[in-house]
């Protein structure tokens, strides 16, 4: 009941435009298996692109309202550039994520990195900051570490699903449902480094934590029920759910 209370309160703090976009984003996330079943792989990819763009827009509306559009835009640009750089280096050297490469299925690409990937970092890193803000309001090492862990918990869902869709390929298929464990260490490292560089100021923590919570719920349902991947669905449910519990119930 406490989680439902927090969800209701956080949703009430969204601006009307953000509420409408949040509903659209949720529908898009749930539509992936349906799109693929009736219209094929390309339709699913278009749905994925639309869902990321809509979620990024929701996050930017929340940040722009809290910080001002110039500052929010500048920080968004820094996050996207740093995330693309990490992915570009990582996909070529194996550092720090392990050996992997992107396929040509997700377009457009820059330097063989789909442009959607750094946008995905932007759509989930501020919600991870919000979780850390609710747990450790200061902006020191605890905030950076918790942000990195909250962000990486999302990859418990993401990597098995995207690899299953053939969007990227790992050289070493051992570890976590075919994902090498070093990948998660790389996520923690890069997410922490970007957070330390950006040094986000006061956050609209409740609304951004709602974005985190909706992602958690929809990824659990989508991966566990619609995509029939119960293992990653359970792991992601526990990982992201644990961060939410820490933020909302133990604060």
C-alpha atoms as a PDB file:
ATOM      1  CA  UNK A   1       0.000   0.000   0.000  1.00  0.00           C
ATOM      2  CA  UNK A   2       2.850   2.378   0.708  1.00  0.00           C
ATOM      3  CA  UNK A   3       4.188   1.943  -2.833  1.00  0.00           C
ATOM      4  CA  UNK A   4       0.724   2.629  -4.263  1.00  0.00           C
ATOM      5  CA  UNK A   5       0.535   5.768  -2.126  1.00  0.00           C
ATOM      6  CA  UNK A   6       3.875   6.986  -3.449  1.00  0.00           C
ATOM      7  CA  UNK A   7       2.844   6.193  -7.040  1.00  0.00           C
ATOM      8  CA  UNK A   8      -0.370   8.182  -6.633  1.00  0.00           C
ATOM      9  CA  UNK A   9       1.381  11.130  -5.017  1.00  0.00           C
ATOM     10  CA  UNK A  10       4.174  11.204  -7.598  1.00  0.00           C
ATOM     11  CA  UNK A  11       1.686  11.020 -10.488  1.00  0.00           C
ATOM     12  CA  UNK A  12      -0.265  13.949  -9.026  1.00  0.00           C
ATOM     13  CA  UNK A  13       2.901  16.076  -9.167  1.00  0.00           C
ATOM     14  CA  UNK A  14       3.324  15.602 -12.912  1.00  0.00           C
ATOM     15  CA  UNK A  15       2.394  18.427 -15.231  1.00  0.00           C
ATOM     16  CA  UNK A  16      -0.593  17.634 -17.500  1.00  0.00           C
ATOM     17  CA  UNK A  17       1.659  17.262 -20.557  1.00  0.00           C
ATOM     18  CA  UNK A  18       3.949  14.900 -18.662  1.00  0.00           C
ATOM     19  CA  UNK A  19       0.946  12.860 -17.485  1.00  0.00           C
ATOM     20  CA  UNK A  20      -0.311  12.415 -21.039  1.00  0.00           C
ATOM     21  CA  UNK A  21       3.148  11.478 -22.322  1.00  0.00           C
ATOM     22  CA  UNK A  22       3.625   9.044 -19.444  1.00  0.00           C
ATOM     23  CA  UNK A  23       0.436   7.249 -20.445  1.00  0.00           C
ATOM     24  CA  UNK A  24       1.548   7.116 -24.087  1.00  0.00           C
ATOM     25  CA  UNK A  25       4.976   5.828 -23.052  1.00  0.00           C
ATOM     26  CA  UNK A  26       3.404   3.066 -20.960  1.00  0.00           C
ATOM     27  CA  UNK A  27       1.226   1.967 -23.873  1.00  0.00           C
ATOM     28  CA  UNK A  28       4.236   1.891 -26.180  1.00  0.00           C
ATOM     29  CA  UNK A  29       6.255  -0.254 -23.781  1.00  0.00           C
ATOM     30  CA  UNK A  30       3.460  -2.777 -23.473  1.00  0.00           C
ATOM     31  CA  UNK A  31       2.871  -2.843 -27.226  1.00  0.00           C
ATOM     32  CA  UNK A  32       6.262  -4.317 -28.248  1.00  0.00           C
ATOM     33  CA  UNK A  33       5.216  -7.999 -28.378  1.00  0.00           C
ATOM     34  CA  UNK A  34       1.941  -7.075 -30.122  1.00  0.00           C
ATOM     35  CA  UNK A  35       3.726  -4.952 -32.710  1.00  0.00           C
ATOM     36  CA  UNK A  36       6.171  -7.750 -33.435  1.00  0.00           C
ATOM     37  CA  UNK A  37       3.471 -10.411 -33.656  1.00  0.00           C
ATOM     38  CA  UNK A  38       1.267  -8.565 -36.141  1.00  0.00           C
ATOM     39  CA  UNK A  39       3.651  -6.288 -38.071  1.00  0.00           C
ATOM     40  CA  UNK A  40       7.082  -7.832 -37.650  1.00  0.00           C
ATOM     41  CA  UNK A  41      10.460  -6.840 -36.282  1.00  0.00           C
ATOM     42  CA  UNK A  42      10.638  -3.409 -37.943  1.00  0.00           C
ATOM     43  CA  UNK A  43       7.404  -2.299 -36.295  1.00  0.00           C
ATOM     44  CA  UNK A  44       8.787  -3.354 -32.909  1.00  0.00           C
ATOM     45  CA  UNK A  45      11.932  -1.318 -33.515  1.00  0.00           C
ATOM     46  CA  UNK A  46       9.870   1.727 -34.458  1.00  0.00           C
ATOM     47  CA  UNK A  47       7.848   1.258 -31.280  1.00  0.00           C
ATOM     48  CA  UNK A  48      11.069   1.045 -29.261  1.00  0.00           C
ATOM     49  CA  UNK A  49      12.344   4.291 -30.784  1.00  0.00           C
ATOM     50  CA  UNK A  50       9.031   6.021 -30.086  1.00  0.00           C
ATOM     51  CA  UNK A  51       8.966   4.788 -26.476  1.00  0.00           C
ATOM     52  CA  UNK A  52      12.496   6.065 -25.774  1.00  0.00           C
ATOM     53  CA  UNK A  53      11.786   9.449 -27.367  1.00  0.00           C
ATOM     54  CA  UNK A  54       8.574   9.860 -25.370  1.00  0.00           C
ATOM     55  CA  UNK A  55      10.239   8.848 -22.094  1.00  0.00           C
ATOM     56  CA  UNK A  56      13.156  11.205 -22.732  1.00  0.00           C
ATOM     57  CA  UNK A  57      10.632  13.981 -23.347  1.00  0.00           C
ATOM     58  CA  UNK A  58       8.923  13.267 -20.020  1.00  0.00           C
ATOM     59  CA  UNK A  59      12.266  13.370 -18.204  1.00  0.00           C
ATOM     60  CA  UNK A  60      13.274  16.623 -19.930  1.00  0.00           C
ATOM     61  CA  UNK A  61       9.943  18.240 -19.062  1.00  0.00           C
ATOM     62  CA  UNK A  62      10.506  17.373 -15.404  1.00  0.00           C
ATOM     63  CA  UNK A  63      14.105  18.611 -15.420  1.00  0.00           C
ATOM     64  CA  UNK A  64      13.325  21.716 -17.463  1.00  0.00           C
ATOM     65  CA  UNK A  65      10.514  22.714 -15.117  1.00  0.00           C
ATOM     66  CA  UNK A  66      12.761  22.247 -12.065  1.00  0.00           C
ATOM     67  CA  UNK A  67      16.043  23.637 -13.395  1.00  0.00           C
ATOM     68  CA  UNK A  68      15.137  25.857 -16.327  1.00  0.00           C
ATOM     69  CA  UNK A  69      15.335  24.724 -19.934  1.00  0.00           C
ATOM     70  CA  UNK A  70      18.848  26.009 -20.638  1.00  0.00           C
ATOM     71  CA  UNK A  71      20.435  24.143 -17.741  1.00  0.00           C
ATOM     72  CA  UNK A  72      18.372  21.013 -18.331  1.00  0.00           C
ATOM     73  CA  UNK A  73      19.300  21.046 -22.030  1.00  0.00           C
ATOM     74  CA  UNK A  74      22.977  21.509 -21.250  1.00  0.00           C
ATOM     75  CA  UNK A  75      23.037  18.615 -18.792  1.00  0.00           C
ATOM     76  CA  UNK A  76      21.093  16.432 -21.224  1.00  0.00           C
ATOM     77  CA  UNK A  77      23.675  17.146 -23.915  1.00  0.00           C
ATOM     78  CA  UNK A  78      26.536  16.255 -21.566  1.00  0.00           C
ATOM     79  CA  UNK A  79      24.868  12.967 -20.584  1.00  0.00           C
ATOM     80  CA  UNK A  80      24.225  12.006 -24.212  1.00  0.00           C
ATOM     81  CA  UNK A  81      27.761  12.837 -25.348  1.00  0.00           C
ATOM     82  CA  UNK A  82      29.407  11.010 -22.439  1.00  0.00           C
ATOM     83  CA  UNK A  83      27.141   7.983 -22.844  1.00  0.00           C
ATOM     84  CA  UNK A  84      27.812   7.785 -26.597  1.00  0.00           C
ATOM     85  CA  UNK A  85      31.553   8.086 -25.947  1.00  0.00           C
ATOM     86  CA  UNK A  86      31.457   5.257 -23.407  1.00  0.00           C
ATOM     87  CA  UNK A  87      29.496   3.050 -25.812  1.00  0.00           C
ATOM     88  CA  UNK A  88      31.756   3.906 -28.750  1.00  0.00           C
ATOM     89  CA  UNK A  89      34.900   3.036 -26.797  1.00  0.00           C
ATOM     90  CA  UNK A  90      33.296   0.033 -25.141  1.00  0.00           C
ATOM     91  CA  UNK A  91      32.047  -1.544 -28.362  1.00  0.00           C
ATOM     92  CA  UNK A  92      35.527  -1.255 -29.887  1.00  0.00           C
ATOM     93  CA  UNK A  93      37.807  -2.121 -26.989  1.00  0.00           C
ATOM     94  CA  UNK A  94      35.686  -4.176 -24.596  1.00  0.00           C
ATOM     95  CA  UNK A  95      36.423  -1.656 -21.817  1.00  0.00           C
ATOM     96  CA  UNK A  96      34.635  -1.351 -19.450  1.00  0.00           C
ATOM     97  CA  UNK A  97      31.632  -3.507 -20.415  1.00  0.00           C
ATOM     98  CA  UNK A  98      33.262  -6.540 -22.006  1.00  0.00           C
ATOM     99  CA  UNK A  99      33.441  -7.530 -25.661  1.00  0.00           C
ATOM    100  CA  UNK A 100      30.264  -6.727 -27.597  1.00  0.00           C
ATOM    101  CA  UNK A 101      29.150  -5.070 -30.809  1.00  0.00           C
ATOM    102  CA  UNK A 102      25.953  -3.518 -32.103  1.00  0.00           C
ATOM    103  CA  UNK A 103      24.202  -5.067 -35.061  1.00  0.00           C
ATOM    104  CA  UNK A 104      22.738  -2.987 -37.876  1.00  0.00           C
ATOM    105  CA  UNK A 105      19.130  -3.607 -36.811  1.00  0.00           C
ATOM    106  CA  UNK A 106      18.656  -0.400 -34.837  1.00  0.00           C
ATOM    107  CA  UNK A 107      19.147   2.730 -36.931  1.00  0.00           C
ATOM    108  CA  UNK A 108      20.333   5.462 -37.225  1.00  0.00           C
ATOM    109  CA  UNK A 109      23.859   4.920 -35.936  1.00  0.00           C
ATOM    110  CA  UNK A 110      26.914   7.078 -35.356  1.00  0.00           C
ATOM    111  CA  UNK A 111      30.240   5.296 -35.178  1.00  0.00           C
ATOM    112  CA  UNK A 112      28.280   1.995 -35.238  1.00  0.00           C
ATOM    113  CA  UNK A 113      26.502   2.975 -32.033  1.00  0.00           C
ATOM    114  CA  UNK A 114      22.706   3.395 -32.387  1.00  0.00           C
ATOM    115  CA  UNK A 115      21.766   6.958 -31.489  1.00  0.00           C
ATOM    116  CA  UNK A 116      18.935   5.541 -29.391  1.00  0.00           C
ATOM    117  CA  UNK A 117      21.459   4.121 -26.897  1.00  0.00           C
ATOM    118  CA  UNK A 118      22.749   7.417 -25.414  1.00  0.00           C
ATOM    119  CA  UNK A 119      19.139   8.652 -25.364  1.00  0.00           C
ATOM    120  CA  UNK A 120      18.275   5.582 -23.298  1.00  0.00           C
ATOM    121  CA  UNK A 121      20.987   6.603 -20.821  1.00  0.00           C
ATOM    122  CA  UNK A 122      19.393  10.049 -20.647  1.00  0.00           C
ATOM    123  CA  UNK A 123      15.899   8.655 -20.085  1.00  0.00           C
ATOM    124  CA  UNK A 124      16.915   6.512 -17.078  1.00  0.00           C
ATOM    125  CA  UNK A 125      19.869   8.239 -15.425  1.00  0.00           C
ATOM    126  CA  UNK A 126      17.832  11.176 -13.991  1.00  0.00           C
ATOM    127  CA  UNK A 127      15.245   8.754 -12.517  1.00  0.00           C
ATOM    128  CA  UNK A 128      18.168   6.882 -10.943  1.00  0.00           C
ATOM    129  CA  UNK A 129      19.397  10.212  -9.551  1.00  0.00           C
ATOM    130  CA  UNK A 130      15.938  10.690  -8.042  1.00  0.00           C
ATOM    131  CA  UNK A 131      16.141   7.336  -6.258  1.00  0.00           C
ATOM    132  CA  UNK A 132      19.541   8.294  -4.872  1.00  0.00           C
ATOM    133  CA  UNK A 133      18.213  11.713  -3.893  1.00  0.00           C
ATOM    134  CA  UNK A 134      15.442  10.123  -1.836  1.00  0.00           C
ATOM    135  CA  UNK A 135      17.943   7.816  -0.125  1.00  0.00           C
ATOM    136  CA  UNK A 136      20.996  10.067   0.252  1.00  0.00           C
ATOM    137  CA  UNK A 137      20.067  13.708  -0.222  1.00  0.00           C
ATOM    138  CA  UNK A 138      23.699  14.867  -0.167  1.00  0.00           C
ATOM    139  CA  UNK A 139      25.725  15.059  -3.340  1.00  0.00           C
ATOM    140  CA  UNK A 140      28.767  13.094  -2.186  1.00  0.00           C
ATOM    141  CA  UNK A 141      29.977   9.575  -2.848  1.00  0.00           C
ATOM    142  CA  UNK A 142      26.827   7.871  -1.430  1.00  0.00           C
ATOM    143  CA  UNK A 143      24.652   9.753  -3.924  1.00  0.00           C
ATOM    144  CA  UNK A 144      26.946   8.796  -6.821  1.00  0.00           C
ATOM    145  CA  UNK A 145      27.137   5.149  -5.768  1.00  0.00           C
ATOM    146  CA  UNK A 146      23.382   4.752  -5.228  1.00  0.00           C
ATOM    147  CA  UNK A 147      22.633   6.486  -8.540  1.00  0.00           C
ATOM    148  CA  UNK A 148      24.945   4.054 -10.327  1.00  0.00           C
ATOM    149  CA  UNK A 149      23.369   1.035  -8.626  1.00  0.00           C
ATOM    150  CA  UNK A 150      19.814   2.229  -9.321  1.00  0.00           C
ATOM    151  CA  UNK A 151      20.676   2.764 -12.973  1.00  0.00           C
ATOM    152  CA  UNK A 152      22.445  -0.583 -13.322  1.00  0.00           C
ATOM    153  CA  UNK A 153      19.481  -2.421 -11.779  1.00  0.00           C
ATOM    154  CA  UNK A 154      17.531  -1.463 -14.915  1.00  0.00           C
ATOM    155  CA  UNK A 155      19.997  -3.423 -17.049  1.00  0.00           C
ATOM    156  CA  UNK A 156      18.902  -6.631 -15.332  1.00  0.00           C
ATOM    157  CA  UNK A 157      15.839  -6.260 -17.558  1.00  0.00           C
ATOM    158  CA  UNK A 158      17.377  -4.507 -20.523  1.00  0.00           C
ATOM    159  CA  UNK A 159      20.372  -6.508 -21.670  1.00  0.00           C
ATOM    160  CA  UNK A 160      18.731  -9.951 -21.940  1.00  0.00           C
ATOM    161  CA  UNK A 161      15.787  -8.434 -23.798  1.00  0.00           C
ATOM    162  CA  UNK A 162      17.859  -6.413 -26.281  1.00  0.00           C
ATOM    163  CA  UNK A 163      20.251  -9.300 -26.922  1.00  0.00           C
ATOM    164  CA  UNK A 164      17.236 -11.515 -27.500  1.00  0.00           C
ATOM    165  CA  UNK A 165      16.032  -9.019 -30.086  1.00  0.00           C
ATOM    166  CA  UNK A 166      19.432  -9.106 -31.782  1.00  0.00           C
ATOM    167  CA  UNK A 167      20.280  -5.437 -31.216  1.00  0.00           C
ATOM    168  CA  UNK A 168      23.740  -6.232 -29.872  1.00  0.00           C
ATOM    169  CA  UNK A 169      25.882  -9.347 -29.516  1.00  0.00           C
ATOM    170  CA  UNK A 170      28.263 -10.422 -26.742  1.00  0.00           C
ATOM    171  CA  UNK A 171      31.435 -12.335 -27.521  1.00  0.00           C
ATOM    172  CA  UNK A 172      31.258 -14.057 -24.127  1.00  0.00           C
ATOM    173  CA  UNK A 173      27.739 -15.445 -23.628  1.00  0.00           C
ATOM    174  CA  UNK A 174      28.315 -16.769 -20.109  1.00  0.00           C
ATOM    175  CA  UNK A 175      27.225 -15.101 -16.881  1.00  0.00           C
ATOM    176  CA  UNK A 176      23.803 -13.533 -16.348  1.00  0.00           C
ATOM    177  CA  UNK A 177      21.410 -15.032 -18.924  1.00  0.00           C
ATOM    178  CA  UNK A 178      24.135 -14.783 -21.554  1.00  0.00           C
ATOM    179  CA  UNK A 179      25.428 -11.383 -20.369  1.00  0.00           C
ATOM    180  CA  UNK A 180      28.972 -11.255 -18.910  1.00  0.00           C
ATOM    181  CA  UNK A 181      29.124 -10.039 -15.325  1.00  0.00           C
ATOM    182  CA  UNK A 182      31.753  -7.445 -16.202  1.00  0.00           C
ATOM    183  CA  UNK A 183      29.050  -5.591 -18.151  1.00  0.00           C
ATOM    184  CA  UNK A 184      27.292  -4.649 -14.921  1.00  0.00           C
ATOM    185  CA  UNK A 185      30.531  -3.436 -13.353  1.00  0.00           C
ATOM    186  CA  UNK A 186      30.969  -1.257 -16.446  1.00  0.00           C
ATOM    187  CA  UNK A 187      27.471   0.158 -16.033  1.00  0.00           C
ATOM    188  CA  UNK A 188      28.159   1.060 -12.403  1.00  0.00           C
ATOM    189  CA  UNK A 189      31.467   2.682 -13.347  1.00  0.00           C
ATOM    190  CA  UNK A 190      30.167   4.769 -16.249  1.00  0.00           C
ATOM    191  CA  UNK A 191      26.895   5.757 -14.576  1.00  0.00           C
ATOM    192  CA  UNK A 192      28.840   6.840 -11.500  1.00  0.00           C
ATOM    193  CA  UNK A 193      31.365   8.768 -13.594  1.00  0.00           C
ATOM    194  CA  UNK A 194      28.658  10.629 -15.552  1.00  0.00           C
ATOM    195  CA  UNK A 195      26.836  11.465 -12.327  1.00  0.00           C
ATOM    196  CA  UNK A 196      30.054  12.788 -10.768  1.00  0.00           C
ATOM    197  CA  UNK A 197      30.780  14.934 -13.840  1.00  0.00           C
ATOM    198  CA  UNK A 198      27.245  16.326 -14.178  1.00  0.00           C
ATOM    199  CA  UNK A 199      26.732  16.895 -10.450  1.00  0.00           C
ATOM    200  CA  UNK A 200      22.942  17.281 -10.690  1.00  0.00           C
ATOM    201  CA  UNK A 201      21.371  19.877  -8.448  1.00  0.00           C
ATOM    202  CA  UNK A 202      18.048  19.680  -6.566  1.00  0.00           C
ATOM    203  CA  UNK A 203      15.759  17.236  -8.339  1.00  0.00           C
ATOM    204  CA  UNK A 204      12.002  16.789  -8.745  1.00  0.00           C
ATOM    205  CA  UNK A 205      12.557  13.473  -6.990  1.00  0.00           C
ATOM    206  CA  UNK A 206       8.976  12.263  -6.596  1.00  0.00           C
ATOM    207  CA  UNK A 207       7.953  12.644 -10.274  1.00  0.00           C
ATOM    208  CA  UNK A 208      11.251  11.212 -11.529  1.00  0.00           C
ATOM    209  CA  UNK A 209      10.953   8.294  -9.136  1.00  0.00           C
ATOM    210  CA  UNK A 210       7.551   7.643 -10.723  1.00  0.00           C
ATOM    211  CA  UNK A 211       9.303   7.224 -14.095  1.00  0.00           C
ATOM    212  CA  UNK A 212      11.619   4.724 -12.422  1.00  0.00           C
ATOM    213  CA  UNK A 213       8.671   2.890 -10.840  1.00  0.00           C
ATOM    214  CA  UNK A 214       6.644   2.697 -14.060  1.00  0.00           C
ATOM    215  CA  UNK A 215       9.680   1.340 -15.897  1.00  0.00           C
ATOM    216  CA  UNK A 216      10.063  -1.286 -13.169  1.00  0.00           C
ATOM    217  CA  UNK A 217       6.431  -2.386 -13.364  1.00  0.00           C
ATOM    218  CA  UNK A 218       6.157  -2.412 -17.147  1.00  0.00           C
ATOM    219  CA  UNK A 219       9.494  -4.145 -17.696  1.00  0.00           C
ATOM    220  CA  UNK A 220       8.439  -6.818 -15.204  1.00  0.00           C
ATOM    221  CA  UNK A 221       5.147  -7.405 -16.996  1.00  0.00           C
ATOM    222  CA  UNK A 222       6.580  -7.071 -20.496  1.00  0.00           C
ATOM    223  CA  UNK A 223       9.581  -9.314 -19.949  1.00  0.00           C
ATOM    224  CA  UNK A 224       7.947 -11.844 -17.654  1.00  0.00           C
ATOM    225  CA  UNK A 225       4.536 -12.239 -19.251  1.00  0.00           C
ATOM    226  CA  UNK A 226       4.517 -10.886 -22.791  1.00  0.00           C
ATOM    227  CA  UNK A 227       8.102 -11.820 -23.769  1.00  0.00           C
ATOM    228  CA  UNK A 228       8.186 -14.957 -21.584  1.00  0.00           C
ATOM    229  CA  UNK A 229      11.582 -14.314 -20.002  1.00  0.00           C
ATOM    230  CA  UNK A 230      10.778 -15.024 -16.339  1.00  0.00           C
ATOM    231  CA  UNK A 231      14.387 -15.188 -15.143  1.00  0.00           C
ATOM    232  CA  UNK A 232      15.447 -11.641 -16.126  1.00  0.00           C
ATOM    233  CA  UNK A 233      11.958 -10.409 -15.212  1.00  0.00           C
ATOM    234  CA  UNK A 234      12.328 -11.714 -11.655  1.00  0.00           C
ATOM    235  CA  UNK A 235      15.896 -10.429 -11.300  1.00  0.00           C
ATOM    236  CA  UNK A 236      14.929  -6.973 -12.566  1.00  0.00           C
ATOM    237  CA  UNK A 237      11.838  -6.950 -10.376  1.00  0.00           C
ATOM    238  CA  UNK A 238      13.994  -7.596  -7.325  1.00  0.00           C
ATOM    239  CA  UNK A 239      16.796  -5.237  -8.397  1.00  0.00           C
ATOM    240  CA  UNK A 240      14.789  -2.140  -9.318  1.00  0.00           C
ATOM    241  CA  UNK A 241      12.124  -3.001  -6.760  1.00  0.00           C
ATOM    242  CA  UNK A 242      14.748  -3.165  -4.052  1.00  0.00           C
ATOM    243  CA  UNK A 243      15.972   0.321  -4.943  1.00  0.00           C
ATOM    244  CA  UNK A 244      12.401   1.663  -4.899  1.00  0.00           C
ATOM    245  CA  UNK A 245      11.707  -0.005  -1.560  1.00  0.00           C
ATOM    246  CA  UNK A 246      14.850   1.526  -0.133  1.00  0.00           C
ATOM    247  CA  UNK A 247      13.893   4.966  -1.466  1.00  0.00           C
ATOM    248  CA  UNK A 248      10.184   4.976  -0.643  1.00  0.00           C
ATOM    249  CA  UNK A 249       9.785   2.776   2.402  1.00  0.00           C
ATOM    250  CA  UNK A 250      13.033   3.186   4.313  1.00  0.00           C
ATOM    251  CA  UNK A 251      13.469   6.937   3.760  1.00  0.00           C
END
